[in-house]
Amino acid sequence: MKRILLAALALVWVDWAGAQVAQAGGLSPAAEKEVAKPGVVVTDVLEVKANLEDVDYKKRTMTLKGLQGRAITLKVDKAVRNFEQLRKGDMILVDFVESIAIFMRNAKAPQSSAEARLVTVAPKGTKIGVLLAETYPLTAVVEFVDSKARQVTVKEPNGGLRIVPVDKSFKNIARFRKGEEVVLRVTEPIAIKAERRK
């Protein structure tokens, strides 16, 4: 897999710059069949080397800290079989399904029935078929919309910038303008592979 700087990708947090990631190739045969169905979201799989800041074996979550001290919490899929062997403080290499916005609206607009709480995601470049992902609302201010790349750069309430990919099923992202407060419905990032590294 080709490695490039984390900051160069449409990533979960842009200020993780310095960590390295890799994007995977196409979909698995199982996922290819599922993608034909409505409501399936195709996401990239990213690879990052980071410090394991916290781990919750019962809830199957892990919190990673990047080179610049920014943290991200991932749900850990059952495909990660060695999860219980990972310890706080470990340097680990993780493949995770990238967060993606499935819906976006002006913050003053009423909530829509399209703001699903659970969606099916199909990770690119893995043998895993599809995963069930929870979504959560993200309220932020639009900084930049890249319609061609289907990405929105937003400023979060804490002042940090975040680049969010937008699923192809959501049309006309160009209607959102810089400075507009929006609510995005974003899928949770899911770890599908994790191993200890020195």
N, C-alpha and C. Protein backbone atom coordinates (compact mmCIF):
# COMPACT_ATOMS: atom_id res chain seq x y z
N MET A 1 0.83 -1.19 0.00
CA MET A 1 0.00 0.00 0.00
C MET A 1 0.87 1.25 0.00
N LYS A 2 0.46 2.20 -0.75
CA LYS A 2 1.21 3.45 -0.82
C LYS A 2 0.99 4.26 0.45
N ARG A 3 2.08 4.77 1.05
CA ARG A 3 1.96 5.57 2.26
C ARG A 3 2.07 7.04 1.92
N ILE A 4 1.22 7.84 2.50
CA ILE A 4 1.30 9.29 2.32
C ILE A 4 1.02 9.95 3.65
N LEU A 5 1.34 11.23 3.77
CA LEU A 5 1.11 11.93 5.03
C LEU A 5 -0.37 12.00 5.36
N LEU A 6 -0.66 11.77 6.60
CA LEU A 6 -2.05 11.77 7.08
C LEU A 6 -2.74 13.09 6.76
N ALA A 7 -2.02 14.19 6.87
CA ALA A 7 -2.63 15.50 6.65
C ALA A 7 -3.05 15.69 5.20
N ALA A 8 -2.48 14.90 4.27
CA ALA A 8 -2.81 15.08 2.87
C ALA A 8 -4.12 14.41 2.49
N LEU A 9 -4.67 13.57 3.37
CA LEU A 9 -5.90 12.87 3.07
C LEU A 9 -7.10 13.60 3.63
N ALA A 10 -8.26 13.21 3.17
CA ALA A 10 -9.50 13.70 3.80
C ALA A 10 -9.70 12.85 5.03
N LEU A 11 -9.15 13.31 6.13
CA LEU A 11 -9.09 12.46 7.30
C LEU A 11 -9.99 12.92 8.41
N VAL A 12 -10.00 12.12 9.43
CA VAL A 12 -10.84 12.41 10.57
C VAL A 12 -10.40 13.70 11.25
N TRP A 13 -9.12 13.88 11.49
CA TRP A 13 -8.62 15.14 12.06
C TRP A 13 -7.42 15.59 11.26
N VAL A 14 -7.49 16.80 10.70
CA VAL A 14 -6.42 17.25 9.83
C VAL A 14 -5.14 17.56 10.57
N ASP A 15 -5.19 17.84 11.86
CA ASP A 15 -3.95 18.18 12.53
C ASP A 15 -3.25 16.98 13.14
N TRP A 16 -3.50 15.79 12.60
CA TRP A 16 -2.70 14.62 12.92
C TRP A 16 -1.49 14.57 11.97
N ALA A 17 -1.17 15.67 11.33
CA ALA A 17 -0.10 15.70 10.35
C ALA A 17 1.18 15.12 10.93
N GLY A 18 1.84 14.31 10.11
CA GLY A 18 3.07 13.68 10.57
C GLY A 18 2.89 12.19 10.72
N ALA A 19 1.71 11.74 11.11
CA ALA A 19 1.46 10.31 11.16
C ALA A 19 1.32 9.82 9.73
N GLN A 20 1.56 8.53 9.52
CA GLN A 20 1.46 8.02 8.16
C GLN A 20 0.24 7.15 8.03
N VAL A 21 -0.37 7.18 6.83
CA VAL A 21 -1.53 6.35 6.57
C VAL A 21 -1.41 5.74 5.20
N ALA A 22 -2.24 4.74 4.95
CA ALA A 22 -2.32 4.16 3.62
C ALA A 22 -3.79 3.97 3.28
N GLN A 23 -4.14 4.23 2.04
CA GLN A 23 -5.49 3.97 1.60
C GLN A 23 -5.50 2.66 0.86
N ALA A 24 -6.53 1.87 1.08
CA ALA A 24 -6.63 0.56 0.46
C ALA A 24 -7.28 0.67 -0.92
N GLY A 25 -7.33 -0.48 -1.63
CA GLY A 25 -7.87 -0.52 -2.99
C GLY A 25 -9.37 -0.65 -3.04
N GLY A 26 -9.88 -1.61 -3.88
CA GLY A 26 -11.31 -1.75 -4.10
C GLY A 26 -12.03 -2.52 -3.01
N LEU A 27 -13.29 -2.87 -3.30
CA LEU A 27 -14.13 -3.57 -2.34
C LEU A 27 -13.93 -5.07 -2.43
N SER A 28 -14.22 -5.77 -1.34
CA SER A 28 -14.19 -7.23 -1.34
C SER A 28 -15.38 -7.74 -2.16
N PRO A 29 -15.33 -9.00 -2.64
CA PRO A 29 -16.47 -9.53 -3.40
C PRO A 29 -17.78 -9.47 -2.60
N ALA A 30 -17.71 -9.74 -1.29
CA ALA A 30 -18.92 -9.69 -0.46
C ALA A 30 -19.48 -8.27 -0.40
N ALA A 31 -18.57 -7.30 -0.27
CA ALA A 31 -19.01 -5.90 -0.20
C ALA A 31 -19.56 -5.43 -1.54
N GLU A 32 -18.97 -5.91 -2.65
CA GLU A 32 -19.45 -5.53 -3.99
C GLU A 32 -20.93 -5.86 -4.15
N LYS A 33 -21.35 -7.02 -3.63
CA LYS A 33 -22.76 -7.42 -3.73
C LYS A 33 -23.64 -6.50 -2.90
N GLU A 34 -23.13 -6.11 -1.71
CA GLU A 34 -23.92 -5.28 -0.81
C GLU A 34 -24.07 -3.84 -1.32
N VAL A 35 -23.03 -3.34 -2.00
CA VAL A 35 -23.04 -1.95 -2.45
C VAL A 35 -24.16 -1.69 -3.44
N ALA A 36 -24.58 -2.72 -4.15
CA ALA A 36 -25.68 -2.57 -5.10
C ALA A 36 -26.99 -2.26 -4.39
N LYS A 37 -27.08 -2.57 -3.12
CA LYS A 37 -28.30 -2.32 -2.35
C LYS A 37 -28.34 -0.85 -1.92
N PRO A 38 -29.53 -0.28 -1.83
CA PRO A 38 -29.62 1.12 -1.37
C PRO A 38 -29.23 1.25 0.10
N GLY A 39 -28.65 2.38 0.45
CA GLY A 39 -28.32 2.64 1.85
C GLY A 39 -26.96 2.16 2.30
N VAL A 40 -26.17 1.56 1.41
CA VAL A 40 -24.83 1.11 1.78
C VAL A 40 -23.83 2.21 1.45
N VAL A 41 -22.99 2.56 2.44
CA VAL A 41 -22.03 3.64 2.31
C VAL A 41 -20.63 3.05 2.09
N VAL A 42 -19.94 3.47 1.03
CA VAL A 42 -18.59 3.00 0.74
C VAL A 42 -17.60 3.96 1.38
N THR A 43 -16.66 3.43 2.17
CA THR A 43 -15.68 4.27 2.87
C THR A 43 -14.27 3.80 2.62
N ASP A 44 -13.32 4.72 2.78
CA ASP A 44 -11.91 4.36 2.67
C ASP A 44 -11.43 3.73 3.97
N VAL A 45 -10.40 2.90 3.84
CA VAL A 45 -9.73 2.34 5.01
C VAL A 45 -8.39 3.04 5.13
N LEU A 46 -8.12 3.60 6.30
CA LEU A 46 -6.89 4.33 6.55
C LEU A 46 -6.02 3.55 7.53
N GLU A 47 -4.72 3.71 7.38
CA GLU A 47 -3.77 3.05 8.28
C GLU A 47 -2.98 4.13 9.01
N VAL A 48 -2.88 3.99 10.33
CA VAL A 48 -2.15 4.99 11.11
C VAL A 48 -1.34 4.30 12.20
N LYS A 49 -0.16 4.81 12.44
CA LYS A 49 0.67 4.36 13.56
C LYS A 49 0.54 5.41 14.65
N ALA A 50 0.09 4.99 15.84
CA ALA A 50 -0.18 5.95 16.91
C ALA A 50 -0.03 5.28 18.26
N ASN A 51 -0.04 6.12 19.31
CA ASN A 51 0.05 5.62 20.68
C ASN A 51 -1.34 5.27 21.17
N LEU A 52 -1.45 4.11 21.83
CA LEU A 52 -2.73 3.70 22.41
C LEU A 52 -2.90 4.41 23.74
N GLU A 53 -3.73 5.45 23.72
CA GLU A 53 -3.92 6.32 24.87
C GLU A 53 -4.85 5.71 25.91
N ASP A 54 -5.88 5.00 25.43
CA ASP A 54 -6.85 4.39 26.34
C ASP A 54 -7.51 3.22 25.63
N VAL A 55 -7.98 2.25 26.41
CA VAL A 55 -8.64 1.08 25.83
C VAL A 55 -9.75 0.62 26.77
N ASP A 56 -10.89 0.28 26.19
CA ASP A 56 -12.03 -0.24 26.96
C ASP A 56 -12.42 -1.57 26.34
N TYR A 57 -12.02 -2.67 26.98
CA TYR A 57 -12.26 -4.00 26.42
C TYR A 57 -13.75 -4.35 26.42
N LYS A 58 -14.48 -3.89 27.43
CA LYS A 58 -15.90 -4.21 27.54
C LYS A 58 -16.70 -3.53 26.42
N LYS A 59 -16.43 -2.23 26.20
CA LYS A 59 -17.15 -1.49 25.16
C LYS A 59 -16.52 -1.66 23.78
N ARG A 60 -15.34 -2.31 23.74
CA ARG A 60 -14.57 -2.49 22.50
C ARG A 60 -14.30 -1.15 21.81
N THR A 61 -13.66 -0.25 22.54
CA THR A 61 -13.22 1.02 21.99
C THR A 61 -11.75 1.24 22.33
N MET A 62 -11.08 2.02 21.49
CA MET A 62 -9.69 2.41 21.77
C MET A 62 -9.52 3.88 21.41
N THR A 63 -8.70 4.57 22.19
CA THR A 63 -8.39 5.97 21.90
C THR A 63 -6.93 6.06 21.51
N LEU A 64 -6.67 6.64 20.35
CA LEU A 64 -5.31 6.80 19.83
C LEU A 64 -4.89 8.25 19.93
N LYS A 65 -3.60 8.47 20.15
CA LYS A 65 -3.08 9.83 20.15
C LYS A 65 -2.05 9.96 19.05
N GLY A 66 -2.24 10.95 18.18
CA GLY A 66 -1.34 11.18 17.05
C GLY A 66 -0.08 11.91 17.47
N LEU A 67 0.79 12.16 16.51
CA LEU A 67 2.08 12.77 16.77
C LEU A 67 1.97 14.18 17.34
N GLN A 68 0.87 14.88 17.02
CA GLN A 68 0.71 16.24 17.53
C GLN A 68 -0.21 16.30 18.75
N GLY A 69 -0.47 15.13 19.34
CA GLY A 69 -1.22 15.10 20.58
C GLY A 69 -2.73 15.08 20.45
N ARG A 70 -3.25 15.02 19.23
CA ARG A 70 -4.71 15.00 19.02
C ARG A 70 -5.21 13.56 19.16
N ALA A 71 -6.32 13.36 19.84
CA ALA A 71 -6.84 12.01 20.10
C ALA A 71 -8.04 11.69 19.21
N ILE A 72 -8.20 10.41 18.92
CA ILE A 72 -9.37 9.91 18.19
C ILE A 72 -9.79 8.60 18.84
N THR A 73 -11.09 8.42 19.03
CA THR A 73 -11.60 7.18 19.61
C THR A 73 -12.25 6.35 18.51
N LEU A 74 -11.88 5.07 18.46
CA LEU A 74 -12.39 4.16 17.45
C LEU A 74 -13.18 3.04 18.11
N LYS A 75 -14.27 2.64 17.46
CA LYS A 75 -14.93 1.40 17.83
C LYS A 75 -14.06 0.29 17.27
N VAL A 76 -13.97 -0.85 17.97
CA VAL A 76 -13.11 -1.95 17.51
C VAL A 76 -14.00 -3.09 17.04
N ASP A 77 -13.90 -3.43 15.76
CA ASP A 77 -14.70 -4.50 15.18
C ASP A 77 -14.25 -5.86 15.71
N LYS A 78 -15.15 -6.84 15.66
CA LYS A 78 -14.83 -8.19 16.13
C LYS A 78 -13.74 -8.85 15.29
N ALA A 79 -13.46 -8.29 14.10
CA ALA A 79 -12.38 -8.82 13.25
C ALA A 79 -11.01 -8.63 13.90
N VAL A 80 -10.90 -7.69 14.84
CA VAL A 80 -9.63 -7.47 15.56
C VAL A 80 -9.57 -8.49 16.69
N ARG A 81 -8.95 -9.63 16.41
CA ARG A 81 -8.98 -10.75 17.35
C ARG A 81 -8.00 -10.60 18.53
N ASN A 82 -6.95 -9.84 18.34
CA ASN A 82 -5.95 -9.68 19.40
C ASN A 82 -6.19 -8.43 20.25
N PHE A 83 -7.40 -7.90 20.21
CA PHE A 83 -7.72 -6.65 20.89
C PHE A 83 -7.37 -6.69 22.38
N GLU A 84 -7.68 -7.81 23.06
CA GLU A 84 -7.45 -7.91 24.51
C GLU A 84 -5.96 -7.93 24.86
N GLN A 85 -5.09 -8.16 23.87
CA GLN A 85 -3.64 -8.19 24.13
C GLN A 85 -3.02 -6.79 24.07
N LEU A 86 -3.75 -5.82 23.54
CA LEU A 86 -3.22 -4.46 23.44
C LEU A 86 -3.31 -3.77 24.79
N ARG A 87 -2.29 -2.98 25.11
CA ARG A 87 -2.22 -2.31 26.41
C ARG A 87 -2.03 -0.81 26.22
N LYS A 88 -2.57 -0.06 27.18
CA LYS A 88 -2.40 1.38 27.19
C LYS A 88 -0.90 1.71 27.14
N GLY A 89 -0.53 2.65 26.28
CA GLY A 89 0.88 3.02 26.12
C GLY A 89 1.55 2.34 24.95
N ASP A 90 0.93 1.27 24.39
CA ASP A 90 1.51 0.58 23.23
C ASP A 90 1.52 1.50 22.01
N MET A 91 2.56 1.35 21.18
CA MET A 91 2.56 1.98 19.87
C MET A 91 1.94 0.94 18.94
N ILE A 92 0.85 1.29 18.27
CA ILE A 92 0.16 0.30 17.45
C ILE A 92 -0.06 0.81 16.03
N LEU A 93 -0.21 -0.14 15.13
CA LEU A 93 -0.55 0.14 13.74
C LEU A 93 -2.00 -0.29 13.55
N VAL A 94 -2.84 0.64 13.14
CA VAL A 94 -4.28 0.38 13.06
C VAL A 94 -4.81 0.68 11.66
N ASP A 95 -5.61 -0.24 11.14
CA ASP A 95 -6.41 0.02 9.94
C ASP A 95 -7.81 0.35 10.43
N PHE A 96 -8.36 1.49 9.98
CA PHE A 96 -9.70 1.82 10.42
C PHE A 96 -10.54 2.39 9.28
N VAL A 97 -11.84 2.13 9.39
CA VAL A 97 -12.81 2.62 8.41
C VAL A 97 -13.05 4.10 8.70
N GLU A 98 -12.78 4.92 7.71
CA GLU A 98 -12.88 6.37 7.85
C GLU A 98 -14.31 6.83 8.10
N SER A 99 -14.45 7.88 8.90
CA SER A 99 -15.76 8.51 9.09
C SER A 99 -16.19 9.18 7.80
N ILE A 100 -17.49 9.17 7.54
CA ILE A 100 -18.02 9.82 6.35
C ILE A 100 -19.38 10.42 6.69
N ALA A 101 -19.67 11.59 6.14
CA ALA A 101 -20.97 12.22 6.37
C ALA A 101 -21.99 11.61 5.43
N ILE A 102 -23.12 11.17 5.98
CA ILE A 102 -24.18 10.61 5.14
C ILE A 102 -25.31 11.61 4.92
N PHE A 103 -25.28 12.70 5.70
CA PHE A 103 -26.32 13.72 5.59
C PHE A 103 -25.77 15.03 6.13
N MET A 104 -26.31 16.15 5.61
CA MET A 104 -25.85 17.46 6.03
C MET A 104 -27.01 18.45 5.89
N ARG A 105 -27.20 19.30 6.89
CA ARG A 105 -28.27 20.29 6.82
C ARG A 105 -27.84 21.56 7.55
N ASN A 106 -28.53 22.65 7.24
CA ASN A 106 -28.33 23.88 7.98
C ASN A 106 -28.74 23.63 9.43
N ALA A 107 -27.98 24.19 10.37
CA ALA A 107 -28.23 23.95 11.79
C ALA A 107 -29.62 24.40 12.23
N LYS A 108 -30.21 25.37 11.50
CA LYS A 108 -31.54 25.88 11.86
C LYS A 108 -32.67 25.06 11.23
N ALA A 109 -32.33 24.20 10.29
CA ALA A 109 -33.35 23.38 9.63
C ALA A 109 -33.78 22.24 10.57
N PRO A 110 -35.03 21.78 10.46
CA PRO A 110 -35.48 20.68 11.32
C PRO A 110 -34.76 19.37 10.98
N GLN A 111 -34.72 18.49 11.95
CA GLN A 111 -34.09 17.19 11.74
C GLN A 111 -34.87 16.42 10.68
N SER A 112 -34.15 15.65 9.86
CA SER A 112 -34.75 14.90 8.76
C SER A 112 -34.78 13.41 9.07
N SER A 113 -35.73 12.71 8.46
CA SER A 113 -35.79 11.25 8.62
C SER A 113 -34.60 10.58 7.94
N ALA A 114 -33.88 11.30 7.07
CA ALA A 114 -32.70 10.75 6.39
C ALA A 114 -31.50 10.66 7.32
N GLU A 115 -31.61 11.26 8.51
CA GLU A 115 -30.49 11.24 9.46
C GLU A 115 -30.48 9.92 10.23
N ALA A 116 -30.13 8.86 9.54
CA ALA A 116 -30.15 7.51 10.12
C ALA A 116 -29.15 7.36 11.26
N ARG A 117 -29.54 6.60 12.28
CA ARG A 117 -28.64 6.35 13.41
C ARG A 117 -27.71 5.18 13.13
N LEU A 118 -28.15 4.25 12.30
CA LEU A 118 -27.32 3.10 11.93
C LEU A 118 -27.25 3.01 10.41
N VAL A 119 -26.05 2.75 9.89
CA VAL A 119 -25.88 2.56 8.45
C VAL A 119 -24.96 1.38 8.21
N THR A 120 -25.03 0.85 7.00
CA THR A 120 -24.13 -0.23 6.59
C THR A 120 -22.99 0.39 5.81
N VAL A 121 -21.75 0.08 6.21
CA VAL A 121 -20.58 0.61 5.50
C VAL A 121 -19.80 -0.53 4.86
N ALA A 122 -19.27 -0.25 3.68
CA ALA A 122 -18.46 -1.21 2.93
C ALA A 122 -17.04 -0.66 2.81
N PRO A 123 -16.08 -1.20 3.59
CA PRO A 123 -14.71 -0.70 3.52
C PRO A 123 -13.99 -1.13 2.25
N LYS A 124 -13.31 -0.18 1.60
CA LYS A 124 -12.54 -0.49 0.39
C LYS A 124 -11.26 -1.25 0.75
N GLY A 125 -10.86 -2.17 -0.13
CA GLY A 125 -9.54 -2.81 -0.03
C GLY A 125 -9.37 -3.81 1.09
N THR A 126 -10.45 -4.37 1.61
CA THR A 126 -10.34 -5.36 2.69
C THR A 126 -11.13 -6.60 2.33
N LYS A 127 -10.88 -7.68 3.06
CA LYS A 127 -11.64 -8.91 2.86
C LYS A 127 -12.94 -8.87 3.64
N ILE A 128 -13.08 -7.87 4.48
CA ILE A 128 -14.31 -7.72 5.26
C ILE A 128 -15.44 -7.31 4.33
N GLY A 129 -16.61 -7.89 4.52
CA GLY A 129 -17.75 -7.55 3.69
C GLY A 129 -18.28 -6.18 4.04
N VAL A 130 -19.30 -6.14 4.89
CA VAL A 130 -19.87 -4.87 5.31
C VAL A 130 -19.96 -4.83 6.84
N LEU A 131 -20.00 -3.62 7.38
CA LEU A 131 -20.08 -3.41 8.82
C LEU A 131 -21.29 -2.55 9.14
N LEU A 132 -21.84 -2.72 10.32
CA LEU A 132 -22.91 -1.86 10.79
C LEU A 132 -22.27 -0.75 11.62
N ALA A 133 -22.49 0.49 11.23
CA ALA A 133 -21.87 1.63 11.92
C ALA A 133 -22.92 2.55 12.50
N GLU A 134 -22.68 3.01 13.71
CA GLU A 134 -23.55 4.03 14.29
C GLU A 134 -23.15 5.38 13.73
N THR A 135 -24.07 6.32 13.75
CA THR A 135 -23.77 7.68 13.30
C THR A 135 -24.01 8.64 14.47
N TYR A 136 -23.42 9.79 14.37
CA TYR A 136 -23.62 10.81 15.40
C TYR A 136 -23.68 12.18 14.74
N PRO A 137 -24.38 13.14 15.37
CA PRO A 137 -24.47 14.48 14.79
C PRO A 137 -23.22 15.29 15.12
N LEU A 138 -22.74 16.05 14.15
CA LEU A 138 -21.60 16.94 14.33
C LEU A 138 -22.04 18.34 13.92
N THR A 139 -22.11 19.24 14.87
CA THR A 139 -22.46 20.64 14.57
C THR A 139 -21.17 21.42 14.37
N ALA A 140 -21.06 22.11 13.25
CA ALA A 140 -19.82 22.82 12.92
C ALA A 140 -20.13 23.94 11.93
N VAL A 141 -19.10 24.74 11.63
CA VAL A 141 -19.23 25.85 10.69
C VAL A 141 -18.43 25.53 9.43
N VAL A 142 -19.05 25.71 8.28
CA VAL A 142 -18.40 25.40 7.00
C VAL A 142 -17.25 26.37 6.74
N GLU A 143 -16.10 25.82 6.39
CA GLU A 143 -14.94 26.63 5.99
C GLU A 143 -14.73 26.54 4.48
N PHE A 144 -14.92 25.34 3.93
CA PHE A 144 -14.68 25.15 2.49
C PHE A 144 -15.43 23.91 2.02
N VAL A 145 -16.01 23.99 0.81
CA VAL A 145 -16.70 22.86 0.21
C VAL A 145 -15.99 22.50 -1.09
N ASP A 146 -15.55 21.25 -1.21
CA ASP A 146 -14.93 20.75 -2.44
C ASP A 146 -15.89 19.75 -3.06
N SER A 147 -16.73 20.24 -3.97
CA SER A 147 -17.77 19.40 -4.56
C SER A 147 -17.18 18.27 -5.38
N LYS A 148 -16.08 18.53 -6.08
CA LYS A 148 -15.47 17.52 -6.94
C LYS A 148 -14.93 16.35 -6.11
N ALA A 149 -14.23 16.66 -5.03
CA ALA A 149 -13.67 15.62 -4.16
C ALA A 149 -14.70 15.10 -3.15
N ARG A 150 -15.86 15.78 -3.10
CA ARG A 150 -16.92 15.43 -2.14
C ARG A 150 -16.41 15.47 -0.71
N GLN A 151 -15.83 16.63 -0.35
CA GLN A 151 -15.30 16.86 0.99
C GLN A 151 -15.74 18.22 1.49
N VAL A 152 -15.98 18.30 2.78
CA VAL A 152 -16.33 19.57 3.41
C VAL A 152 -15.35 19.81 4.55
N THR A 153 -14.72 20.99 4.55
CA THR A 153 -13.85 21.37 5.67
C THR A 153 -14.70 22.20 6.61
N VAL A 154 -14.74 21.78 7.89
CA VAL A 154 -15.56 22.48 8.87
C VAL A 154 -14.72 22.85 10.09
N LYS A 155 -15.19 23.89 10.80
CA LYS A 155 -14.57 24.27 12.06
C LYS A 155 -15.46 23.73 13.18
N GLU A 156 -14.87 22.90 14.03
CA GLU A 156 -15.61 22.30 15.14
C GLU A 156 -15.76 23.29 16.28
N PRO A 157 -16.66 23.01 17.23
CA PRO A 157 -16.86 23.92 18.36
C PRO A 157 -15.59 24.23 19.15
N ASN A 158 -14.63 23.28 19.15
CA ASN A 158 -13.37 23.52 19.87
C ASN A 158 -12.38 24.36 19.05
N GLY A 159 -12.79 24.78 17.85
CA GLY A 159 -11.93 25.62 17.01
C GLY A 159 -11.06 24.86 16.03
N GLY A 160 -11.02 23.54 16.16
CA GLY A 160 -10.19 22.72 15.27
C GLY A 160 -10.85 22.53 13.91
N LEU A 161 -10.02 22.42 12.87
CA LEU A 161 -10.52 22.16 11.52
C LEU A 161 -10.60 20.66 11.28
N ARG A 162 -11.59 20.26 10.53
CA ARG A 162 -11.78 18.85 10.22
C ARG A 162 -12.26 18.73 8.78
N ILE A 163 -11.66 17.82 8.03
CA ILE A 163 -12.08 17.55 6.66
C ILE A 163 -12.97 16.30 6.71
N VAL A 164 -14.21 16.44 6.23
CA VAL A 164 -15.16 15.34 6.29
C VAL A 164 -15.56 14.92 4.88
N PRO A 165 -15.29 13.65 4.49
CA PRO A 165 -15.79 13.17 3.21
C PRO A 165 -17.32 13.07 3.28
N VAL A 166 -17.99 13.30 2.15
CA VAL A 166 -19.45 13.23 2.10
C VAL A 166 -19.85 12.12 1.14
N ASP A 167 -20.72 11.23 1.60
CA ASP A 167 -21.16 10.09 0.80
C ASP A 167 -21.83 10.56 -0.50
N LYS A 168 -21.62 9.78 -1.56
CA LYS A 168 -22.14 10.15 -2.89
C LYS A 168 -23.67 10.16 -2.94
N SER A 169 -24.32 9.50 -1.98
CA SER A 169 -25.78 9.48 -1.98
C SER A 169 -26.38 10.83 -1.58
N PHE A 170 -25.57 11.68 -0.92
CA PHE A 170 -26.06 13.00 -0.52
C PHE A 170 -25.74 13.99 -1.63
N LYS A 171 -26.75 14.56 -2.23
CA LYS A 171 -26.60 15.41 -3.41
C LYS A 171 -26.43 16.90 -3.06
N ASN A 172 -25.81 17.62 -3.98
CA ASN A 172 -25.71 19.08 -3.97
C ASN A 172 -25.06 19.66 -2.72
N ILE A 173 -23.85 19.20 -2.41
CA ILE A 173 -23.15 19.76 -1.25
C ILE A 173 -22.67 21.18 -1.53
N ALA A 174 -22.66 21.58 -2.83
CA ALA A 174 -22.20 22.91 -3.20
C ALA A 174 -23.12 24.02 -2.67
N ARG A 175 -24.34 23.67 -2.25
CA ARG A 175 -25.27 24.70 -1.76
C ARG A 175 -24.87 25.26 -0.40
N PHE A 176 -23.96 24.58 0.29
CA PHE A 176 -23.52 25.05 1.60
C PHE A 176 -22.39 26.07 1.42
N ARG A 177 -22.41 27.12 2.21
CA ARG A 177 -21.49 28.25 2.05
C ARG A 177 -20.58 28.43 3.25
N LYS A 178 -19.43 29.02 3.00
CA LYS A 178 -18.48 29.34 4.06
C LYS A 178 -19.16 30.19 5.13
N GLY A 179 -18.97 29.82 6.38
CA GLY A 179 -19.56 30.55 7.49
C GLY A 179 -20.91 30.02 7.94
N GLU A 180 -21.49 29.11 7.17
CA GLU A 180 -22.80 28.55 7.51
C GLU A 180 -22.66 27.49 8.59
N GLU A 181 -23.50 27.57 9.61
CA GLU A 181 -23.48 26.54 10.65
C GLU A 181 -24.34 25.36 10.18
N VAL A 182 -23.75 24.17 10.25
CA VAL A 182 -24.43 22.98 9.73
C VAL A 182 -24.40 21.86 10.77
N VAL A 183 -25.26 20.89 10.55
CA VAL A 183 -25.23 19.64 11.31
C VAL A 183 -24.98 18.53 10.31
N LEU A 184 -23.90 17.77 10.53
CA LEU A 184 -23.57 16.63 9.69
C LEU A 184 -23.89 15.36 10.47
N ARG A 185 -24.42 14.35 9.79
CA ARG A 185 -24.61 13.05 10.41
C ARG A 185 -23.45 12.19 9.91
N VAL A 186 -22.54 11.84 10.84
CA VAL A 186 -21.25 11.23 10.50
C VAL A 186 -21.16 9.81 11.05
N THR A 187 -20.61 8.90 10.26
CA THR A 187 -20.43 7.53 10.74
C THR A 187 -19.25 7.47 11.71
N GLU A 188 -19.32 6.55 12.65
CA GLU A 188 -18.23 6.36 13.60
C GLU A 188 -17.05 5.69 12.91
N PRO A 189 -15.81 6.05 13.27
CA PRO A 189 -14.65 5.34 12.72
C PRO A 189 -14.52 3.98 13.40
N ILE A 190 -14.24 2.92 12.61
CA ILE A 190 -14.19 1.56 13.15
C ILE A 190 -12.84 0.93 12.83
N ALA A 191 -12.15 0.46 13.88
CA ALA A 191 -10.88 -0.25 13.70
C ALA A 191 -11.17 -1.67 13.22
N ILE A 192 -10.50 -2.09 12.14
CA ILE A 192 -10.70 -3.45 11.62
C ILE A 192 -9.42 -4.29 11.72
N LYS A 193 -8.32 -3.63 12.09
CA LYS A 193 -7.05 -4.34 12.28
C LYS A 193 -6.20 -3.51 13.22
N ALA A 194 -5.55 -4.16 14.18
CA ALA A 194 -4.67 -3.45 15.12
C ALA A 194 -3.57 -4.39 15.56
N GLU A 195 -2.33 -3.92 15.51
CA GLU A 195 -1.20 -4.73 15.98
C GLU A 195 -0.16 -3.88 16.63
N ARG A 196 0.49 -4.44 17.62
CA ARG A 196 1.51 -3.71 18.38
C ARG A 196 2.75 -3.53 17.52
N ARG A 197 3.33 -2.32 17.58
CA ARG A 197 4.57 -2.01 16.87
C ARG A 197 5.55 -1.37 17.83
N LYS A 198 6.84 -1.46 17.52
CA LYS A 198 7.87 -0.82 18.36
C LYS A 198 8.14 0.58 17.87
